[in-house]
Amino acid sequence: MRLDKFLKVSRLIKRRTLAKEVADQGRISVNGNQAKASTVLATGDELVIRFGQKLVTVKVNDLRETVRKDEAETMYTIVKEEQVQ
């Protein structure tokens, strides 16, 4: 599954176009490598996403095309959140 679609389906980022913009700005890395929106994800990958002054590290648990809102959080596990100065 593409990175931008995963971020939208898992509801880490609300819109796919916004997920694409964030990836294109270089604010997402997958397994330590800078990622594009078209990067293909696999189960077990680790994402580091920079939201403003916060770094969020997420582990991919599941890849599904569609998911209900209350089940979206099962697609990933938040490993850590840290503030960046």
N, C-alpha and C. Protein backbone atom coordinates (compact mmCIF):
# COMPACT_ATOMS: atom_id res chain seq x y z
N MET A 1 0.85 -1.18 0.00
CA MET A 1 0.00 0.00 0.00
C MET A 1 0.89 1.24 0.00
N ARG A 2 0.46 2.25 -0.74
CA ARG A 2 1.21 3.51 -0.79
C ARG A 2 1.16 4.22 0.57
N LEU A 3 2.22 4.96 0.85
CA LEU A 3 2.33 5.69 2.10
C LEU A 3 1.17 6.67 2.29
N ASP A 4 0.87 7.47 1.26
CA ASP A 4 -0.19 8.48 1.41
C ASP A 4 -1.55 7.84 1.67
N LYS A 5 -1.81 6.71 1.03
CA LYS A 5 -3.09 6.03 1.27
C LYS A 5 -3.15 5.44 2.68
N PHE A 6 -2.04 4.86 3.15
CA PHE A 6 -2.01 4.33 4.52
C PHE A 6 -2.30 5.42 5.54
N LEU A 7 -1.66 6.58 5.38
CA LEU A 7 -1.86 7.67 6.33
C LEU A 7 -3.31 8.12 6.37
N LYS A 8 -3.97 8.12 5.21
CA LYS A 8 -5.38 8.51 5.15
C LYS A 8 -6.28 7.44 5.76
N VAL A 9 -6.11 6.18 5.35
CA VAL A 9 -6.97 5.09 5.83
C VAL A 9 -6.82 4.91 7.34
N SER A 10 -5.59 5.02 7.85
CA SER A 10 -5.35 4.86 9.28
C SER A 10 -5.73 6.10 10.08
N ARG A 11 -6.05 7.18 9.37
CA ARG A 11 -6.46 8.46 9.96
C ARG A 11 -5.35 9.13 10.77
N LEU A 12 -4.09 8.83 10.46
CA LEU A 12 -2.98 9.59 11.05
C LEU A 12 -2.99 10.99 10.45
N ILE A 13 -3.32 11.10 9.16
CA ILE A 13 -3.51 12.37 8.47
C ILE A 13 -4.87 12.28 7.79
N LYS A 14 -5.67 13.31 7.90
CA LYS A 14 -7.08 13.22 7.50
C LYS A 14 -7.31 13.08 5.99
N ARG A 15 -6.52 13.79 5.17
CA ARG A 15 -6.75 13.77 3.72
C ARG A 15 -5.53 13.26 2.99
N ARG A 16 -5.77 12.53 1.90
CA ARG A 16 -4.67 11.95 1.14
C ARG A 16 -3.81 13.02 0.48
N THR A 17 -4.42 14.10 0.03
CA THR A 17 -3.63 15.18 -0.58
C THR A 17 -2.71 15.83 0.44
N LEU A 18 -3.18 15.97 1.67
CA LEU A 18 -2.35 16.52 2.74
C LEU A 18 -1.21 15.56 3.07
N ALA A 19 -1.50 14.25 3.09
CA ALA A 19 -0.47 13.25 3.34
C ALA A 19 0.60 13.31 2.26
N LYS A 20 0.19 13.51 1.01
CA LYS A 20 1.14 13.62 -0.10
C LYS A 20 2.03 14.85 0.08
N GLU A 21 1.44 15.97 0.46
CA GLU A 21 2.22 17.20 0.67
C GLU A 21 3.24 17.03 1.79
N VAL A 22 2.83 16.41 2.89
CA VAL A 22 3.74 16.20 4.03
C VAL A 22 4.91 15.32 3.61
N ALA A 23 4.63 14.27 2.86
CA ALA A 23 5.69 13.37 2.39
C ALA A 23 6.63 14.09 1.42
N ASP A 24 6.06 14.88 0.52
CA ASP A 24 6.88 15.60 -0.46
C ASP A 24 7.76 16.66 0.18
N GLN A 25 7.37 17.14 1.36
CA GLN A 25 8.19 18.12 2.08
C GLN A 25 9.32 17.45 2.85
N GLY A 26 9.39 16.12 2.83
CA GLY A 26 10.47 15.41 3.50
C GLY A 26 10.26 15.25 4.99
N ARG A 27 9.02 15.30 5.46
CA ARG A 27 8.75 15.21 6.89
C ARG A 27 8.41 13.81 7.36
N ILE A 28 8.53 12.81 6.45
CA ILE A 28 8.23 11.42 6.81
C ILE A 28 9.41 10.55 6.41
N SER A 29 9.81 9.65 7.29
CA SER A 29 10.82 8.66 6.92
C SER A 29 10.28 7.27 7.24
N VAL A 30 10.64 6.31 6.39
CA VAL A 30 10.23 4.93 6.55
C VAL A 30 11.49 4.10 6.76
N ASN A 31 11.58 3.44 7.91
CA ASN A 31 12.74 2.62 8.26
C ASN A 31 14.05 3.40 8.11
N GLY A 32 14.03 4.68 8.48
CA GLY A 32 15.24 5.50 8.46
C GLY A 32 15.54 6.18 7.14
N ASN A 33 14.77 5.90 6.08
CA ASN A 33 14.98 6.53 4.78
C ASN A 33 13.87 7.52 4.49
N GLN A 34 14.23 8.67 3.94
CA GLN A 34 13.23 9.67 3.60
C GLN A 34 12.25 9.08 2.59
N ALA A 35 10.96 9.32 2.80
CA ALA A 35 9.93 8.67 2.00
C ALA A 35 9.19 9.64 1.10
N LYS A 36 8.74 9.14 -0.05
CA LYS A 36 7.85 9.88 -0.93
C LYS A 36 6.43 9.36 -0.69
N ALA A 37 5.44 10.05 -1.24
CA ALA A 37 4.05 9.62 -1.08
C ALA A 37 3.83 8.25 -1.72
N SER A 38 4.61 7.92 -2.74
CA SER A 38 4.42 6.67 -3.47
C SER A 38 5.20 5.50 -2.86
N THR A 39 5.91 5.71 -1.76
CA THR A 39 6.66 4.63 -1.10
C THR A 39 5.70 3.52 -0.69
N VAL A 40 6.06 2.29 -1.03
CA VAL A 40 5.20 1.14 -0.72
C VAL A 40 5.55 0.65 0.68
N LEU A 41 4.52 0.53 1.51
CA LEU A 41 4.69 0.09 2.89
C LEU A 41 4.44 -1.41 3.03
N ALA A 42 5.05 -2.00 4.04
CA ALA A 42 4.81 -3.40 4.38
C ALA A 42 4.54 -3.46 5.88
N THR A 43 3.92 -4.53 6.31
CA THR A 43 3.66 -4.72 7.73
C THR A 43 4.99 -4.78 8.48
N GLY A 44 5.09 -4.06 9.60
CA GLY A 44 6.31 -4.04 10.38
C GLY A 44 7.19 -2.84 10.11
N ASP A 45 6.89 -2.05 9.07
CA ASP A 45 7.68 -0.85 8.79
C ASP A 45 7.51 0.16 9.91
N GLU A 46 8.53 0.99 10.10
CA GLU A 46 8.49 2.02 11.13
C GLU A 46 8.52 3.39 10.46
N LEU A 47 7.52 4.20 10.75
CA LEU A 47 7.40 5.55 10.19
C LEU A 47 7.77 6.57 11.25
N VAL A 48 8.50 7.61 10.86
CA VAL A 48 8.74 8.75 11.73
C VAL A 48 8.14 9.96 11.02
N ILE A 49 7.14 10.56 11.64
CA ILE A 49 6.41 11.68 11.04
C ILE A 49 6.62 12.92 11.89
N ARG A 50 6.97 14.04 11.24
CA ARG A 50 7.14 15.30 11.97
C ARG A 50 5.89 16.14 11.81
N PHE A 51 5.19 16.35 12.92
CA PHE A 51 4.02 17.22 12.98
C PHE A 51 4.43 18.48 13.73
N GLY A 52 4.74 19.55 13.03
CA GLY A 52 5.14 20.78 13.68
C GLY A 52 6.35 20.59 14.57
N GLN A 53 6.18 20.72 15.90
CA GLN A 53 7.27 20.57 16.85
C GLN A 53 7.28 19.19 17.50
N LYS A 54 6.59 18.21 16.89
CA LYS A 54 6.50 16.89 17.49
C LYS A 54 6.93 15.82 16.50
N LEU A 55 7.72 14.87 16.97
CA LEU A 55 8.10 13.70 16.17
C LEU A 55 7.31 12.50 16.69
N VAL A 56 6.59 11.83 15.79
CA VAL A 56 5.80 10.67 16.16
C VAL A 56 6.37 9.46 15.44
N THR A 57 6.73 8.42 16.19
CA THR A 57 7.23 7.17 15.61
C THR A 57 6.11 6.14 15.69
N VAL A 58 5.80 5.55 14.53
CA VAL A 58 4.66 4.64 14.40
C VAL A 58 5.12 3.35 13.75
N LYS A 59 4.62 2.21 14.25
CA LYS A 59 4.90 0.91 13.64
C LYS A 59 3.65 0.43 12.92
N VAL A 60 3.79 -0.02 11.67
CA VAL A 60 2.66 -0.48 10.86
C VAL A 60 2.29 -1.89 11.28
N ASN A 61 1.04 -2.08 11.73
CA ASN A 61 0.57 -3.40 12.14
C ASN A 61 -0.21 -4.11 11.05
N ASP A 62 -0.95 -3.34 10.25
CA ASP A 62 -1.89 -3.93 9.32
C ASP A 62 -2.07 -3.01 8.13
N LEU A 63 -2.26 -3.57 6.94
CA LEU A 63 -2.53 -2.80 5.74
C LEU A 63 -3.88 -3.24 5.18
N ARG A 64 -4.85 -2.33 5.21
CA ARG A 64 -6.18 -2.63 4.68
C ARG A 64 -6.64 -1.46 3.81
N GLU A 65 -7.38 -1.77 2.75
CA GLU A 65 -7.85 -0.75 1.82
C GLU A 65 -8.90 0.17 2.46
N THR A 66 -9.80 -0.42 3.23
CA THR A 66 -10.82 0.37 3.92
C THR A 66 -10.94 -0.14 5.35
N VAL A 67 -11.31 0.77 6.23
CA VAL A 67 -11.44 0.41 7.65
C VAL A 67 -12.42 1.39 8.29
N ARG A 68 -13.20 0.89 9.25
CA ARG A 68 -14.12 1.78 9.97
C ARG A 68 -13.33 2.67 10.90
N LYS A 69 -13.91 3.81 11.22
CA LYS A 69 -13.22 4.82 12.03
C LYS A 69 -12.75 4.26 13.38
N ASP A 70 -13.60 3.48 14.04
CA ASP A 70 -13.24 2.97 15.36
C ASP A 70 -12.19 1.86 15.31
N GLU A 71 -11.93 1.30 14.12
CA GLU A 71 -10.91 0.26 13.97
C GLU A 71 -9.61 0.80 13.37
N ALA A 72 -9.57 2.07 13.02
CA ALA A 72 -8.41 2.64 12.33
C ALA A 72 -7.14 2.57 13.19
N GLU A 73 -7.28 2.73 14.49
CA GLU A 73 -6.11 2.72 15.38
C GLU A 73 -5.44 1.35 15.47
N THR A 74 -6.12 0.29 15.04
CA THR A 74 -5.52 -1.04 15.07
C THR A 74 -4.50 -1.22 13.95
N MET A 75 -4.47 -0.32 12.98
CA MET A 75 -3.55 -0.43 11.85
C MET A 75 -2.12 -0.05 12.21
N TYR A 76 -1.94 0.64 13.34
CA TYR A 76 -0.61 1.10 13.73
C TYR A 76 -0.48 1.11 15.25
N THR A 77 0.79 1.14 15.70
CA THR A 77 1.10 1.30 17.12
C THR A 77 2.03 2.49 17.26
N ILE A 78 1.71 3.41 18.16
CA ILE A 78 2.58 4.54 18.41
C ILE A 78 3.72 4.08 19.31
N VAL A 79 4.94 4.12 18.78
CA VAL A 79 6.12 3.68 19.52
C VAL A 79 6.56 4.76 20.49
N LYS A 80 6.67 6.00 19.98
CA LYS A 80 7.02 7.12 20.87
C LYS A 80 6.64 8.45 20.25
N GLU A 81 6.48 9.43 21.11
CA GLU A 81 6.22 10.80 20.70
C GLU A 81 7.23 11.67 21.45
N GLU A 82 7.87 12.59 20.72
CA GLU A 82 8.83 13.47 21.38
C GLU A 82 8.74 14.88 20.81
N GLN A 83 9.00 15.84 21.67
CA GLN A 83 9.02 17.24 21.28
C GLN A 83 10.36 17.59 20.65
N VAL A 84 10.31 18.42 19.60
CA VAL A 84 11.53 18.87 18.93
C VAL A 84 11.64 20.37 19.11
N GLN A 85 12.84 20.83 19.46
CA GLN A 85 13.03 22.28 19.67
C GLN A 85 13.38 22.96 18.38
